[in-house]
Each structure stands twice: as structure tokens, then as C-alpha cells.
């Protein structure tokens, strides 16, 4: 199940838990792309969730051959808006979408 917002496609079904960070958050990798050529790849996202808050930040974004994605500023803004949408809707940790490890971590941090 993917999410499309502001022309940014985040392939949630391809999400992979990576590690828990020192700030209580965790990192995942997820396929992320746009309609613009060369602006597709795998993003590393840092998620911090709690009972009353949810934050998702782009850490890195690389193409399938390992090159850093360098999107135009307008695309960066659209990606930021899509990540804000995910945080605002508290999508990370949903049973219908997320891998078991992400669900476990989110449940531990939110109690839900």
C-alpha cells in the first residue's frame, strides 16, 4: 500500500526497519519517488513517535545505483510536505501498512 501526496510516492509496502536511534526514534528505508526523471530511489527516514507527537524526517535519499538524489528545491518542499502529512496522520506503525518491527517499536513508544 503506497502513499501519494503532492506528487510524491512513498511505497510503504517496501518499508524496512533499520535501527533505533539514541533519541528514542527509529530509522526505516522506503522506496520514494516523484514524476521527475532521476528523482526516484530509496530514502532513509528518521521517525520519532510518541503518544502526543509524530515526526518523520528525510535523512538520505539514493538512487538504485547508490548515487545521492539531488532534487530541485520544489521537489524537496513536496517531499517535506508528504513527510509532514505522514506525521500529521500518524501513519507510521499502522498494522495495515507497516512491517512488524515498526509496529512493535511504535507500540512501545506510544502504548497503542
C-alpha atoms as a PDB file:
ATOM      1  CA  UNK A   1       0.000   0.000   0.000  1.00  0.00           C
ATOM      2  CA  UNK A   2       1.673   3.177  -1.142  1.00  0.00           C
ATOM      3  CA  UNK A   3       1.015   6.760  -0.272  1.00  0.00           C
ATOM      4  CA  UNK A   4       0.921   9.524  -2.842  1.00  0.00           C
ATOM      5  CA  UNK A   5       0.880  13.138  -1.681  1.00  0.00           C
ATOM      6  CA  UNK A   6       1.855  16.291  -3.589  1.00  0.00           C
ATOM      7  CA  UNK A   7       3.229  14.216  -6.463  1.00  0.00           C
ATOM      8  CA  UNK A   8       5.497  12.253  -4.127  1.00  0.00           C
ATOM      9  CA  UNK A   9       5.052   8.471  -3.994  1.00  0.00           C
ATOM     10  CA  UNK A  10       6.162   6.670  -0.860  1.00  0.00           C
ATOM     11  CA  UNK A  11       5.927   2.901  -1.300  1.00  0.00           C
ATOM     12  CA  UNK A  12       5.002   1.988   2.262  1.00  0.00           C
ATOM     13  CA  UNK A  13       4.783  -1.703   1.376  1.00  0.00           C
ATOM     14  CA  UNK A  14       8.545  -1.606   0.748  1.00  0.00           C
ATOM     15  CA  UNK A  15       9.354  -0.111   4.160  1.00  0.00           C
ATOM     16  CA  UNK A  16      12.170  -1.829   6.056  1.00  0.00           C
ATOM     17  CA  UNK A  17      13.053  -1.219   9.704  1.00  0.00           C
ATOM     18  CA  UNK A  18      16.757  -0.327  10.078  1.00  0.00           C
ATOM     19  CA  UNK A  19      17.569   0.656  13.657  1.00  0.00           C
ATOM     20  CA  UNK A  20      16.519   2.538  16.769  1.00  0.00           C
ATOM     21  CA  UNK A  21      18.225   5.883  17.331  1.00  0.00           C
ATOM     22  CA  UNK A  22      19.548   7.415  20.531  1.00  0.00           C
ATOM     23  CA  UNK A  23      16.709   9.955  20.622  1.00  0.00           C
ATOM     24  CA  UNK A  24      14.089   7.243  21.002  1.00  0.00           C
ATOM     25  CA  UNK A  25      13.257   7.384  17.312  1.00  0.00           C
ATOM     26  CA  UNK A  26      13.963   4.802  14.659  1.00  0.00           C
ATOM     27  CA  UNK A  27      15.121   4.677  11.056  1.00  0.00           C
ATOM     28  CA  UNK A  28      13.465   2.940   8.121  1.00  0.00           C
ATOM     29  CA  UNK A  29      14.280   2.681   4.433  1.00  0.00           C
ATOM     30  CA  UNK A  30      11.443   3.105   1.973  1.00  0.00           C
ATOM     31  CA  UNK A  31      11.158   3.499  -1.801  1.00  0.00           C
ATOM     32  CA  UNK A  32      10.411   7.149  -2.573  1.00  0.00           C
ATOM     33  CA  UNK A  33       9.977   8.885  -5.896  1.00  0.00           C
ATOM     34  CA  UNK A  34       8.371  11.592  -7.965  1.00  0.00           C
ATOM     35  CA  UNK A  35       7.373  12.010 -11.592  1.00  0.00           C
ATOM     36  CA  UNK A  36      10.572  13.954 -12.341  1.00  0.00           C
ATOM     37  CA  UNK A  37      13.308  11.873 -14.020  1.00  0.00           C
ATOM     38  CA  UNK A  38      16.199  10.917 -11.742  1.00  0.00           C
ATOM     39  CA  UNK A  39      14.239  11.704  -8.588  1.00  0.00           C
ATOM     40  CA  UNK A  40      13.486   8.142  -7.515  1.00  0.00           C
ATOM     41  CA  UNK A  41      15.243   5.804  -5.168  1.00  0.00           C
ATOM     42  CA  UNK A  42      15.322   4.626  -1.588  1.00  0.00           C
ATOM     43  CA  UNK A  43      15.024   7.083   1.263  1.00  0.00           C
ATOM     44  CA  UNK A  44      16.234   6.681   4.813  1.00  0.00           C
ATOM     45  CA  UNK A  45      13.687   8.264   7.124  1.00  0.00           C
ATOM     46  CA  UNK A  46      14.014   9.007  10.818  1.00  0.00           C
ATOM     47  CA  UNK A  47      10.756   8.676  12.731  1.00  0.00           C
ATOM     48  CA  UNK A  48      10.106   9.870  16.260  1.00  0.00           C
ATOM     49  CA  UNK A  49       6.724   8.908  17.652  1.00  0.00           C
ATOM     50  CA  UNK A  50       5.071   9.373  20.991  1.00  0.00           C
ATOM     51  CA  UNK A  51       1.617   9.415  22.485  1.00  0.00           C
ATOM     52  CA  UNK A  52       1.136  13.069  21.521  1.00  0.00           C
ATOM     53  CA  UNK A  53       3.530  13.649  18.642  1.00  0.00           C
ATOM     54  CA  UNK A  54       4.874  12.139  15.452  1.00  0.00           C
ATOM     55  CA  UNK A  55       7.793  13.401  13.355  1.00  0.00           C
ATOM     56  CA  UNK A  56       9.239  11.989  10.113  1.00  0.00           C
ATOM     57  CA  UNK A  57      12.451  13.393   8.610  1.00  0.00           C
ATOM     58  CA  UNK A  58      14.400  12.614   5.454  1.00  0.00           C
ATOM     59  CA  UNK A  59      17.931  11.503   6.390  1.00  0.00           C
ATOM     60  CA  UNK A  60      19.183  10.444   2.954  1.00  0.00           C
ATOM     61  CA  UNK A  61      17.898   9.519  -0.476  1.00  0.00           C
ATOM     62  CA  UNK A  62      19.826   7.429  -3.014  1.00  0.00           C
ATOM     63  CA  UNK A  63      19.129   6.037  -6.471  1.00  0.00           C
ATOM     64  CA  UNK A  64      19.157   2.304  -7.182  1.00  0.00           C
ATOM     65  CA  UNK A  65      22.829   2.551  -8.154  1.00  0.00           C
ATOM     66  CA  UNK A  66      23.798   4.330  -4.913  1.00  0.00           C
ATOM     67  CA  UNK A  67      24.046   7.937  -6.111  1.00  0.00           C
ATOM     68  CA  UNK A  68      22.561  10.627  -3.899  1.00  0.00           C
ATOM     69  CA  UNK A  69      19.292  12.042  -5.198  1.00  0.00           C
ATOM     70  CA  UNK A  70      19.654  15.798  -5.588  1.00  0.00           C
ATOM     71  CA  UNK A  71      16.129  17.037  -6.242  1.00  0.00           C
ATOM     72  CA  UNK A  72      15.232  20.606  -7.172  1.00  0.00           C
ATOM     73  CA  UNK A  73      14.065  22.774  -4.265  1.00  0.00           C
ATOM     74  CA  UNK A  74      10.428  22.476  -5.333  1.00  0.00           C
ATOM     75  CA  UNK A  75      10.660  18.675  -5.094  1.00  0.00           C
ATOM     76  CA  UNK A  76      12.374  18.904  -1.686  1.00  0.00           C
ATOM     77  CA  UNK A  77       9.445  21.008  -0.484  1.00  0.00           C
ATOM     78  CA  UNK A  78       6.932  18.473  -1.815  1.00  0.00           C
ATOM     79  CA  UNK A  79       8.799  15.623  -0.105  1.00  0.00           C
ATOM     80  CA  UNK A  80       8.837  17.594   3.160  1.00  0.00           C
ATOM     81  CA  UNK A  81       5.083  18.183   2.800  1.00  0.00           C
ATOM     82  CA  UNK A  82       4.461  14.459   2.170  1.00  0.00           C
ATOM     83  CA  UNK A  83       6.506  13.508   5.258  1.00  0.00           C
ATOM     84  CA  UNK A  84       4.610  16.104   7.287  1.00  0.00           C
ATOM     85  CA  UNK A  85       1.359  14.519   6.074  1.00  0.00           C
ATOM     86  CA  UNK A  86       2.575  11.098   7.270  1.00  0.00           C
ATOM     87  CA  UNK A  87       3.452  12.556  10.674  1.00  0.00           C
ATOM     88  CA  UNK A  88       0.241  14.529  10.967  1.00  0.00           C
ATOM     89  CA  UNK A  89      -1.881  11.464  10.158  1.00  0.00           C
ATOM     90  CA  UNK A  90       0.312   9.242  12.373  1.00  0.00           C
ATOM     91  CA  UNK A  91       0.698   6.677   9.620  1.00  0.00           C
ATOM     92  CA  UNK A  92       3.895   5.054  10.952  1.00  0.00           C
ATOM     93  CA  UNK A  93       3.024   1.975  12.977  1.00  0.00           C
ATOM     94  CA  UNK A  94      -0.305   1.180  11.347  1.00  0.00           C
ATOM     95  CA  UNK A  95      -0.935  -2.563  11.197  1.00  0.00           C
ATOM     96  CA  UNK A  96      -2.297  -2.488   7.625  1.00  0.00           C
ATOM     97  CA  UNK A  97       0.851  -0.852   6.250  1.00  0.00           C
ATOM     98  CA  UNK A  98       3.980  -1.250   8.355  1.00  0.00           C
ATOM     99  CA  UNK A  99       6.380  -4.133   8.902  1.00  0.00           C
ATOM    100  CA  UNK A 100       6.090  -5.977  12.232  1.00  0.00           C
ATOM    101  CA  UNK A 101       9.259  -4.425  13.674  1.00  0.00           C
ATOM    102  CA  UNK A 102       7.996  -0.870  13.050  1.00  0.00           C
ATOM    103  CA  UNK A 103       4.633  -1.749  14.602  1.00  0.00           C
ATOM    104  CA  UNK A 104       6.414  -3.157  17.668  1.00  0.00           C
ATOM    105  CA  UNK A 105       8.631  -0.079  18.100  1.00  0.00           C
ATOM    106  CA  UNK A 106       5.747   2.374  17.643  1.00  0.00           C
ATOM    107  CA  UNK A 107       3.582   0.430  20.081  1.00  0.00           C
ATOM    108  CA  UNK A 108       6.391   0.547  22.636  1.00  0.00           C
ATOM    109  CA  UNK A 109       6.722   4.308  22.240  1.00  0.00           C
ATOM    110  CA  UNK A 110       3.051   5.211  22.150  1.00  0.00           C
ATOM    111  CA  UNK A 111       1.426   2.487  24.199  1.00  0.00           C
ATOM    112  CA  UNK A 112      -1.024   1.931  21.300  1.00  0.00           C
END
